[in-house]
Each structure stands twice: as C-alpha cells, then as structure tokens.
Amino acid sequence: KEQARAEFGKRGNAMTYENIGTVHLEAARLGDAKRAFERAAASNPDSSQAYAGLAVVAIKSGDRRTAIMNWTRAVELQPSNFDALYNLGVQLMRVGRMTEARPDLERFVRTAPASQYAKDIKAISAELAKTR
C-alpha cells in the first residue's frame, strides 16, 4: 500500500510538471518548458510525455538530434503516444533516414485513431507510397 502511494505521488508530480511544461511551451518560454519537462522525467523516468515535451523543446530550439532521441524514448515508453510516434517518423524522414522512419510511420498509419489523426494518416500513407 505504501509503495502504491509512493508510485502515485511520483506520477502525480510528473504530470504536474508535464502540464507546467506544456503551458511554458505554449507561451514560447522554451527554457522554462525544458526545466519543467526535465523535472517531470526526474519525478517519473517512465513518463513518455516528459520525453515528448523535451523533444518539442529541442526541435523548437533547432536541435533535431536531441528531439529525435527524446521522441524515440517517448515511443519506447509508450508506443501509443501517437504524437511522439508521428513526430519521430516525420523528423527521421525529413533528414533522409527513411529506413529508420518507415517502421514508425507504418505503425502510426496502422494504429493511430483515424478519428483524431485522419489527415496525418492520409499524408503519411501518401509519403510511404512514394518511397516504396
């Protein structure tokens, strides 16, 4: 029971920092966003959202390599993090790493809910068809 409470506390802290990071991102305060997402990841190293947030900060800061690394970690932690999966595949594709991008993009097309991602699924499907 005590361990469950401690786990919930860590997840709760992480979620709080994820939300704070998102607010800072929306206000274009990248340094503050990065610190909040780092605290989220420190609170819960299994937080896919923390790593996805760090990836967004990195890409907005012009650091594609770090963004790809963080989106990769986010997807490893939570394969259903469709935003991270999409961003990872698209960024790999943009830098000409299609062999690496293809499995992520194909998984996105196969598993992302069409109700939320129909436009992206269609666009990615078209890109995948062009590169067969």
N, C-alpha and C. Protein backbone atom coordinates (compact mmCIF):
# COMPACT_ATOMS: atom_id res chain seq x y z
N LYS A 1 0.83 -1.19 0.00
CA LYS A 1 0.00 0.00 0.00
C LYS A 1 0.88 1.26 0.00
N GLU A 2 1.91 1.24 0.81
CA GLU A 2 2.82 2.39 0.90
C GLU A 2 3.55 2.60 -0.43
N GLN A 3 3.97 1.50 -1.06
CA GLN A 3 4.67 1.60 -2.34
C GLN A 3 3.73 2.15 -3.41
N ALA A 4 2.47 1.73 -3.40
CA ALA A 4 1.49 2.23 -4.37
C ALA A 4 1.31 3.73 -4.20
N ARG A 5 1.26 4.18 -2.95
CA ARG A 5 1.12 5.62 -2.69
C ARG A 5 2.33 6.40 -3.20
N ALA A 6 3.51 5.85 -2.98
CA ALA A 6 4.74 6.50 -3.45
C ALA A 6 4.76 6.57 -4.98
N GLU A 7 4.36 5.48 -5.65
CA GLU A 7 4.30 5.47 -7.12
C GLU A 7 3.31 6.51 -7.62
N PHE A 8 2.13 6.58 -6.98
CA PHE A 8 1.13 7.57 -7.39
C PHE A 8 1.68 8.98 -7.21
N GLY A 9 2.40 9.20 -6.12
CA GLY A 9 2.99 10.52 -5.87
C GLY A 9 3.98 10.91 -6.95
N LYS A 10 4.81 9.97 -7.38
CA LYS A 10 5.78 10.25 -8.45
C LYS A 10 5.05 10.58 -9.74
N ARG A 11 4.05 9.79 -10.09
CA ARG A 11 3.30 10.04 -11.33
C ARG A 11 2.58 11.38 -11.26
N GLY A 12 2.01 11.68 -10.10
CA GLY A 12 1.31 12.95 -9.93
C GLY A 12 2.24 14.14 -10.09
N ASN A 13 3.43 14.04 -9.48
CA ASN A 13 4.43 15.10 -9.64
C ASN A 13 4.81 15.25 -11.10
N ALA A 14 5.06 14.13 -11.76
CA ALA A 14 5.44 14.18 -13.17
C ALA A 14 4.35 14.84 -14.00
N MET A 15 3.11 14.46 -13.75
CA MET A 15 2.00 15.05 -14.51
C MET A 15 1.91 16.56 -14.29
N THR A 16 2.14 16.98 -13.06
CA THR A 16 2.11 18.42 -12.76
C THR A 16 3.19 19.14 -13.57
N TYR A 17 4.40 18.60 -13.56
CA TYR A 17 5.49 19.23 -14.31
C TYR A 17 5.25 19.15 -15.82
N GLU A 18 4.64 18.06 -16.30
CA GLU A 18 4.30 17.96 -17.73
C GLU A 18 3.34 19.09 -18.11
N ASN A 19 2.33 19.31 -17.26
CA ASN A 19 1.36 20.37 -17.53
C ASN A 19 2.01 21.75 -17.50
N ILE A 20 2.89 21.96 -16.54
CA ILE A 20 3.60 23.24 -16.44
C ILE A 20 4.47 23.43 -17.69
N GLY A 21 5.15 22.37 -18.10
CA GLY A 21 5.98 22.44 -19.30
C GLY A 21 5.17 22.79 -20.53
N THR A 22 3.99 22.21 -20.64
CA THR A 22 3.12 22.49 -21.78
C THR A 22 2.68 23.96 -21.80
N VAL A 23 2.35 24.49 -20.64
CA VAL A 23 1.97 25.91 -20.56
C VAL A 23 3.14 26.79 -21.00
N HIS A 24 4.34 26.46 -20.54
CA HIS A 24 5.51 27.24 -20.95
C HIS A 24 5.76 27.10 -22.46
N LEU A 25 5.58 25.90 -23.00
CA LEU A 25 5.75 25.71 -24.45
C LEU A 25 4.79 26.60 -25.22
N GLU A 26 3.54 26.60 -24.80
CA GLU A 26 2.52 27.40 -25.49
C GLU A 26 2.83 28.89 -25.43
N ALA A 27 3.56 29.30 -24.40
CA ALA A 27 3.94 30.71 -24.25
C ALA A 27 5.33 30.97 -24.83
N ALA A 28 5.91 29.96 -25.51
CA ALA A 28 7.23 30.07 -26.14
C ALA A 28 8.34 30.36 -25.14
N ARG A 29 8.18 29.89 -23.92
CA ARG A 29 9.23 30.00 -22.90
C ARG A 29 9.97 28.67 -22.86
N LEU A 30 10.87 28.49 -23.82
CA LEU A 30 11.50 27.18 -24.01
C LEU A 30 12.37 26.76 -22.83
N GLY A 31 13.11 27.67 -22.27
CA GLY A 31 13.95 27.33 -21.12
C GLY A 31 13.13 26.84 -19.94
N ASP A 32 12.05 27.55 -19.64
CA ASP A 32 11.17 27.14 -18.55
C ASP A 32 10.50 25.80 -18.87
N ALA A 33 10.10 25.63 -20.12
CA ALA A 33 9.48 24.37 -20.53
C ALA A 33 10.46 23.21 -20.36
N LYS A 34 11.68 23.43 -20.80
CA LYS A 34 12.70 22.37 -20.68
C LYS A 34 12.91 21.98 -19.23
N ARG A 35 13.02 22.96 -18.35
CA ARG A 35 13.21 22.66 -16.93
C ARG A 35 12.03 21.89 -16.36
N ALA A 36 10.83 22.26 -16.74
CA ALA A 36 9.64 21.56 -16.23
C ALA A 36 9.61 20.11 -16.73
N PHE A 37 9.89 19.91 -18.02
CA PHE A 37 9.89 18.54 -18.55
C PHE A 37 11.03 17.71 -17.95
N GLU A 38 12.17 18.33 -17.68
CA GLU A 38 13.26 17.62 -17.02
C GLU A 38 12.85 17.19 -15.62
N ARG A 39 12.13 18.05 -14.92
CA ARG A 39 11.64 17.69 -13.57
C ARG A 39 10.61 16.58 -13.67
N ALA A 40 9.79 16.61 -14.70
CA ALA A 40 8.81 15.53 -14.89
C ALA A 40 9.52 14.21 -15.10
N ALA A 41 10.55 14.20 -15.93
CA ALA A 41 11.30 12.97 -16.20
C ALA A 41 12.05 12.51 -14.95
N ALA A 42 12.55 13.44 -14.15
CA ALA A 42 13.23 13.07 -12.92
C ALA A 42 12.24 12.49 -11.91
N SER A 43 11.02 13.03 -11.88
CA SER A 43 9.99 12.53 -10.98
C SER A 43 9.51 11.15 -11.39
N ASN A 44 9.42 10.93 -12.70
CA ASN A 44 8.96 9.65 -13.22
C ASN A 44 9.73 9.34 -14.50
N PRO A 45 10.81 8.58 -14.39
CA PRO A 45 11.62 8.27 -15.58
C PRO A 45 10.87 7.50 -16.66
N ASP A 46 9.67 7.00 -16.35
CA ASP A 46 8.86 6.29 -17.34
C ASP A 46 7.81 7.19 -17.99
N SER A 47 7.95 8.49 -17.85
CA SER A 47 6.98 9.44 -18.39
C SER A 47 7.24 9.72 -19.87
N SER A 48 6.44 9.10 -20.71
CA SER A 48 6.54 9.34 -22.14
C SER A 48 6.29 10.81 -22.48
N GLN A 49 5.35 11.41 -21.80
CA GLN A 49 5.02 12.82 -22.07
C GLN A 49 6.17 13.75 -21.73
N ALA A 50 6.93 13.42 -20.69
CA ALA A 50 8.09 14.26 -20.34
C ALA A 50 9.11 14.25 -21.47
N TYR A 51 9.39 13.06 -22.00
CA TYR A 51 10.37 12.97 -23.08
C TYR A 51 9.84 13.59 -24.37
N ALA A 52 8.54 13.43 -24.62
CA ALA A 52 7.95 14.07 -25.80
C ALA A 52 8.04 15.60 -25.67
N GLY A 53 7.80 16.10 -24.47
CA GLY A 53 7.92 17.54 -24.24
C GLY A 53 9.34 18.03 -24.45
N LEU A 54 10.31 17.27 -23.94
CA LEU A 54 11.71 17.63 -24.16
C LEU A 54 12.05 17.62 -25.66
N ALA A 55 11.44 16.70 -26.39
CA ALA A 55 11.67 16.64 -27.84
C ALA A 55 11.14 17.89 -28.52
N VAL A 56 9.96 18.33 -28.12
CA VAL A 56 9.38 19.54 -28.73
C VAL A 56 10.26 20.75 -28.42
N VAL A 57 10.73 20.85 -27.18
CA VAL A 57 11.63 21.95 -26.82
C VAL A 57 12.87 21.89 -27.71
N ALA A 58 13.43 20.70 -27.87
CA ALA A 58 14.66 20.56 -28.68
C ALA A 58 14.42 20.96 -30.13
N ILE A 59 13.32 20.49 -30.73
CA ILE A 59 13.08 20.80 -32.15
C ILE A 59 12.83 22.30 -32.31
N LYS A 60 12.15 22.92 -31.36
CA LYS A 60 11.90 24.36 -31.44
C LYS A 60 13.19 25.16 -31.21
N SER A 61 14.16 24.51 -30.58
CA SER A 61 15.46 25.15 -30.33
C SER A 61 16.45 24.85 -31.46
N GLY A 62 16.02 24.09 -32.46
CA GLY A 62 16.88 23.78 -33.59
C GLY A 62 17.78 22.57 -33.38
N ASP A 63 17.48 21.76 -32.38
CA ASP A 63 18.31 20.60 -32.06
C ASP A 63 17.55 19.32 -32.43
N ARG A 64 17.57 19.01 -33.73
CA ARG A 64 16.83 17.85 -34.24
C ARG A 64 17.35 16.54 -33.66
N ARG A 65 18.66 16.42 -33.49
CA ARG A 65 19.24 15.18 -32.97
C ARG A 65 18.68 14.85 -31.58
N THR A 66 18.66 15.84 -30.70
CA THR A 66 18.12 15.63 -29.35
C THR A 66 16.62 15.37 -29.41
N ALA A 67 15.93 16.07 -30.31
CA ALA A 67 14.49 15.84 -30.45
C ALA A 67 14.21 14.39 -30.85
N ILE A 68 14.93 13.90 -31.83
CA ILE A 68 14.74 12.51 -32.28
C ILE A 68 15.05 11.55 -31.15
N MET A 69 16.11 11.80 -30.41
CA MET A 69 16.46 10.94 -29.28
C MET A 69 15.33 10.91 -28.24
N ASN A 70 14.77 12.07 -27.93
CA ASN A 70 13.71 12.13 -26.92
C ASN A 70 12.39 11.55 -27.43
N TRP A 71 12.05 11.77 -28.71
CA TRP A 71 10.84 11.13 -29.24
C TRP A 71 11.00 9.62 -29.29
N THR A 72 12.20 9.16 -29.60
CA THR A 72 12.45 7.71 -29.58
C THR A 72 12.18 7.15 -28.19
N ARG A 73 12.69 7.81 -27.17
CA ARG A 73 12.47 7.37 -25.79
C ARG A 73 10.98 7.42 -25.44
N ALA A 74 10.30 8.47 -25.84
CA ALA A 74 8.87 8.60 -25.55
C ALA A 74 8.08 7.43 -26.15
N VAL A 75 8.41 7.07 -27.38
CA VAL A 75 7.71 5.96 -28.06
C VAL A 75 8.08 4.62 -27.44
N GLU A 76 9.33 4.46 -27.03
CA GLU A 76 9.72 3.23 -26.33
C GLU A 76 8.90 3.05 -25.05
N LEU A 77 8.72 4.14 -24.33
CA LEU A 77 7.99 4.08 -23.06
C LEU A 77 6.49 3.89 -23.27
N GLN A 78 5.95 4.49 -24.33
CA GLN A 78 4.51 4.41 -24.58
C GLN A 78 4.27 4.36 -26.09
N PRO A 79 4.21 3.15 -26.65
CA PRO A 79 4.01 3.03 -28.10
C PRO A 79 2.74 3.70 -28.62
N SER A 80 1.77 3.93 -27.74
CA SER A 80 0.54 4.60 -28.18
C SER A 80 0.61 6.12 -28.05
N ASN A 81 1.79 6.66 -27.83
CA ASN A 81 1.95 8.11 -27.84
C ASN A 81 2.05 8.51 -29.32
N PHE A 82 0.90 8.68 -29.94
CA PHE A 82 0.83 8.86 -31.38
C PHE A 82 1.46 10.17 -31.85
N ASP A 83 1.38 11.21 -31.05
CA ASP A 83 2.03 12.47 -31.43
C ASP A 83 3.54 12.27 -31.50
N ALA A 84 4.11 11.60 -30.50
CA ALA A 84 5.55 11.34 -30.50
C ALA A 84 5.93 10.42 -31.65
N LEU A 85 5.12 9.39 -31.90
CA LEU A 85 5.39 8.45 -32.98
C LEU A 85 5.39 9.18 -34.33
N TYR A 86 4.41 10.01 -34.55
CA TYR A 86 4.31 10.81 -35.78
C TYR A 86 5.52 11.72 -35.93
N ASN A 87 5.81 12.49 -34.87
CA ASN A 87 6.93 13.44 -34.94
C ASN A 87 8.26 12.74 -35.16
N LEU A 88 8.46 11.61 -34.50
CA LEU A 88 9.69 10.85 -34.68
C LEU A 88 9.83 10.42 -36.14
N GLY A 89 8.79 9.81 -36.69
CA GLY A 89 8.86 9.34 -38.07
C GLY A 89 9.06 10.47 -39.06
N VAL A 90 8.35 11.56 -38.87
CA VAL A 90 8.45 12.70 -39.79
C VAL A 90 9.85 13.32 -39.73
N GLN A 91 10.39 13.49 -38.54
CA GLN A 91 11.73 14.10 -38.43
C GLN A 91 12.79 13.19 -39.03
N LEU A 92 12.68 11.88 -38.80
CA LEU A 92 13.63 10.96 -39.43
C LEU A 92 13.52 11.03 -40.95
N MET A 93 12.29 11.11 -41.45
CA MET A 93 12.06 11.21 -42.90
C MET A 93 12.67 12.50 -43.45
N ARG A 94 12.49 13.60 -42.74
CA ARG A 94 12.99 14.90 -43.21
C ARG A 94 14.51 14.95 -43.34
N VAL A 95 15.20 14.15 -42.54
CA VAL A 95 16.66 14.15 -42.63
C VAL A 95 17.18 12.99 -43.47
N GLY A 96 16.28 12.38 -44.23
CA GLY A 96 16.69 11.33 -45.17
C GLY A 96 16.95 9.98 -44.55
N ARG A 97 16.43 9.74 -43.36
CA ARG A 97 16.63 8.46 -42.69
C ARG A 97 15.36 7.60 -42.82
N MET A 98 14.94 7.40 -44.07
CA MET A 98 13.67 6.73 -44.35
C MET A 98 13.66 5.28 -43.87
N THR A 99 14.79 4.61 -43.94
CA THR A 99 14.84 3.23 -43.47
C THR A 99 14.46 3.15 -41.99
N GLU A 100 14.93 4.12 -41.21
CA GLU A 100 14.58 4.18 -39.79
C GLU A 100 13.15 4.69 -39.59
N ALA A 101 12.74 5.62 -40.43
CA ALA A 101 11.43 6.25 -40.28
C ALA A 101 10.29 5.31 -40.64
N ARG A 102 10.50 4.48 -41.65
CA ARG A 102 9.41 3.66 -42.19
C ARG A 102 8.66 2.84 -41.13
N PRO A 103 9.34 2.08 -40.26
CA PRO A 103 8.58 1.30 -39.28
C PRO A 103 7.71 2.17 -38.36
N ASP A 104 8.23 3.33 -37.96
CA ASP A 104 7.46 4.23 -37.11
C ASP A 104 6.26 4.80 -37.86
N LEU A 105 6.50 5.22 -39.10
CA LEU A 105 5.40 5.78 -39.90
C LEU A 105 4.35 4.73 -40.22
N GLU A 106 4.79 3.53 -40.55
CA GLU A 106 3.83 2.45 -40.83
C GLU A 106 3.01 2.11 -39.59
N ARG A 107 3.67 2.08 -38.44
CA ARG A 107 2.94 1.81 -37.19
C ARG A 107 1.94 2.93 -36.90
N PHE A 108 2.35 4.18 -37.17
CA PHE A 108 1.44 5.30 -36.98
C PHE A 108 0.19 5.12 -37.85
N VAL A 109 0.40 4.83 -39.12
CA VAL A 109 -0.72 4.65 -40.06
C VAL A 109 -1.63 3.51 -39.61
N ARG A 110 -1.02 2.42 -39.13
CA ARG A 110 -1.78 1.23 -38.71
C ARG A 110 -2.54 1.42 -37.41
N THR A 111 -1.96 2.18 -36.47
CA THR A 111 -2.51 2.16 -35.11
C THR A 111 -3.11 3.47 -34.61
N ALA A 112 -2.77 4.59 -35.21
CA ALA A 112 -3.31 5.86 -34.73
C ALA A 112 -4.81 5.93 -35.03
N PRO A 113 -5.58 6.43 -34.08
CA PRO A 113 -7.03 6.52 -34.31
C PRO A 113 -7.38 7.53 -35.41
N ALA A 114 -8.07 7.04 -36.42
CA ALA A 114 -8.44 7.89 -37.55
C ALA A 114 -9.32 9.06 -37.12
N SER A 115 -10.11 8.86 -36.08
CA SER A 115 -10.98 9.94 -35.61
C SER A 115 -10.18 11.18 -35.20
N GLN A 116 -8.95 10.98 -34.79
CA GLN A 116 -8.12 12.10 -34.36
C GLN A 116 -7.02 12.45 -35.36
N TYR A 117 -6.57 11.47 -36.14
CA TYR A 117 -5.39 11.66 -36.97
C TYR A 117 -5.63 11.41 -38.47
N ALA A 118 -6.86 11.48 -38.93
CA ALA A 118 -7.18 11.12 -40.32
C ALA A 118 -6.31 11.87 -41.33
N LYS A 119 -6.18 13.16 -41.16
CA LYS A 119 -5.39 13.97 -42.10
C LYS A 119 -3.92 13.53 -42.11
N ASP A 120 -3.36 13.30 -40.93
CA ASP A 120 -1.97 12.87 -40.83
C ASP A 120 -1.78 11.46 -41.40
N ILE A 121 -2.72 10.58 -41.12
CA ILE A 121 -2.64 9.21 -41.65
C ILE A 121 -2.63 9.24 -43.17
N LYS A 122 -3.49 10.06 -43.74
CA LYS A 122 -3.56 10.17 -45.20
C LYS A 122 -2.24 10.71 -45.77
N ALA A 123 -1.70 11.75 -45.16
CA ALA A 123 -0.45 12.35 -45.64
C ALA A 123 0.72 11.37 -45.52
N ILE A 124 0.80 10.69 -44.40
CA ILE A 124 1.90 9.74 -44.19
C ILE A 124 1.75 8.55 -45.14
N SER A 125 0.53 8.09 -45.34
CA SER A 125 0.30 6.98 -46.28
C SER A 125 0.78 7.36 -47.68
N ALA A 126 0.52 8.59 -48.10
CA ALA A 126 0.96 9.06 -49.41
C ALA A 126 2.48 9.09 -49.48
N GLU A 127 3.13 9.57 -48.42
CA GLU A 127 4.61 9.60 -48.38
C GLU A 127 5.19 8.19 -48.45
N LEU A 128 4.60 7.29 -47.70
CA LEU A 128 5.08 5.90 -47.71
C LEU A 128 4.93 5.27 -49.09
N ALA A 129 3.82 5.58 -49.75
CA ALA A 129 3.59 5.02 -51.11
C ALA A 129 4.62 5.55 -52.10
N LYS A 130 5.05 6.81 -51.94
CA LYS A 130 6.04 7.40 -52.85
C LYS A 130 7.42 6.79 -52.69
N THR A 131 7.70 6.25 -51.52
CA THR A 131 9.05 5.77 -51.24
C THR A 131 9.17 4.25 -51.23
N ARG A 132 8.21 3.57 -51.78
CA ARG A 132 8.27 2.10 -51.82
C ARG A 132 9.28 1.63 -52.82
